[in-house]
Amino acid sequence: MNILVVLIPVTLVLGGGGLWAFIWTVRNRHQYDDPKGHSMRILSDRYDDEPKQD
């Protein structure tokens, strides 16, 4: 039972660090600014792997 005295604070610190990192990336890195653009880009034929037919 003594191990719980160590594991519970370690788990809370790691979870809090992960939550802080997620909030920091959302606010500062602008990784999630255009969710619609990414979903529509996959349906576009603009960047097709096949060469253009002349």
Protein backbone atom coordinates (compact mmCIF):
# COMPACT_ATOMS: atom_id res chain seq x y z
CA MET A 1 0.00 0.00 0.00
CA ASN A 2 2.97 2.32 0.48
CA ILE A 3 3.56 2.32 -3.27
CA LEU A 4 0.25 4.16 -3.75
CA VAL A 5 1.72 7.12 -1.87
CA VAL A 6 4.23 7.42 -4.72
CA LEU A 7 2.14 6.34 -7.70
CA ILE A 8 -0.85 8.63 -7.15
CA PRO A 9 1.16 11.90 -7.12
CA VAL A 10 3.28 10.73 -10.06
CA THR A 11 0.13 9.95 -12.05
CA LEU A 12 -1.42 13.31 -11.20
CA VAL A 13 1.75 15.19 -12.19
CA LEU A 14 2.07 13.33 -15.52
CA GLY A 15 -1.63 13.81 -16.29
CA GLY A 16 -1.44 17.49 -15.45
CA GLY A 17 1.65 17.85 -17.64
CA GLY A 18 -0.13 16.21 -20.55
CA LEU A 19 -3.15 18.44 -20.10
CA TRP A 20 -0.95 21.53 -19.92
CA ALA A 21 0.92 20.48 -23.11
CA PHE A 22 -2.36 19.95 -24.97
CA ILE A 23 -3.74 23.34 -23.94
CA TRP A 24 -0.43 25.00 -24.86
CA THR A 25 -0.45 23.51 -28.38
CA VAL A 26 -4.06 24.54 -28.95
CA ARG A 27 -3.38 28.14 -27.92
CA ASN A 28 0.09 28.75 -29.36
CA ARG A 29 0.77 26.46 -32.29
CA HIS A 30 -2.41 26.99 -34.36
CA GLN A 31 -2.43 23.33 -35.33
CA TYR A 32 -6.20 23.11 -35.15
CA ASP A 33 -7.17 26.26 -37.06
CA ASP A 34 -8.56 24.72 -40.26
CA PRO A 35 -10.31 21.40 -39.60
CA LYS A 36 -12.69 21.83 -42.55
CA GLY A 37 -9.86 22.46 -45.01
CA HIS A 38 -8.14 19.18 -44.23
CA SER A 39 -11.31 17.18 -44.62
CA MET A 40 -12.11 18.75 -47.99
CA ARG A 41 -8.54 18.50 -49.30
CA ILE A 42 -8.64 14.70 -49.34
CA LEU A 43 -11.61 14.80 -51.72
CA SER A 44 -9.93 17.20 -54.16
CA ASP A 45 -8.47 16.03 -57.48
CA ARG A 46 -5.99 18.88 -57.55
CA TYR A 47 -3.07 16.80 -56.24
CA ASP A 48 -3.58 13.53 -58.01
CA ASP A 49 -0.76 10.98 -58.18
CA GLU A 50 -1.33 10.26 -61.86
CA PRO A 51 0.28 12.48 -64.52
CA LYS A 52 -1.96 14.84 -66.46
CA GLN A 53 -3.36 13.58 -69.77
CA ASP A 54 -2.56 15.89 -72.69
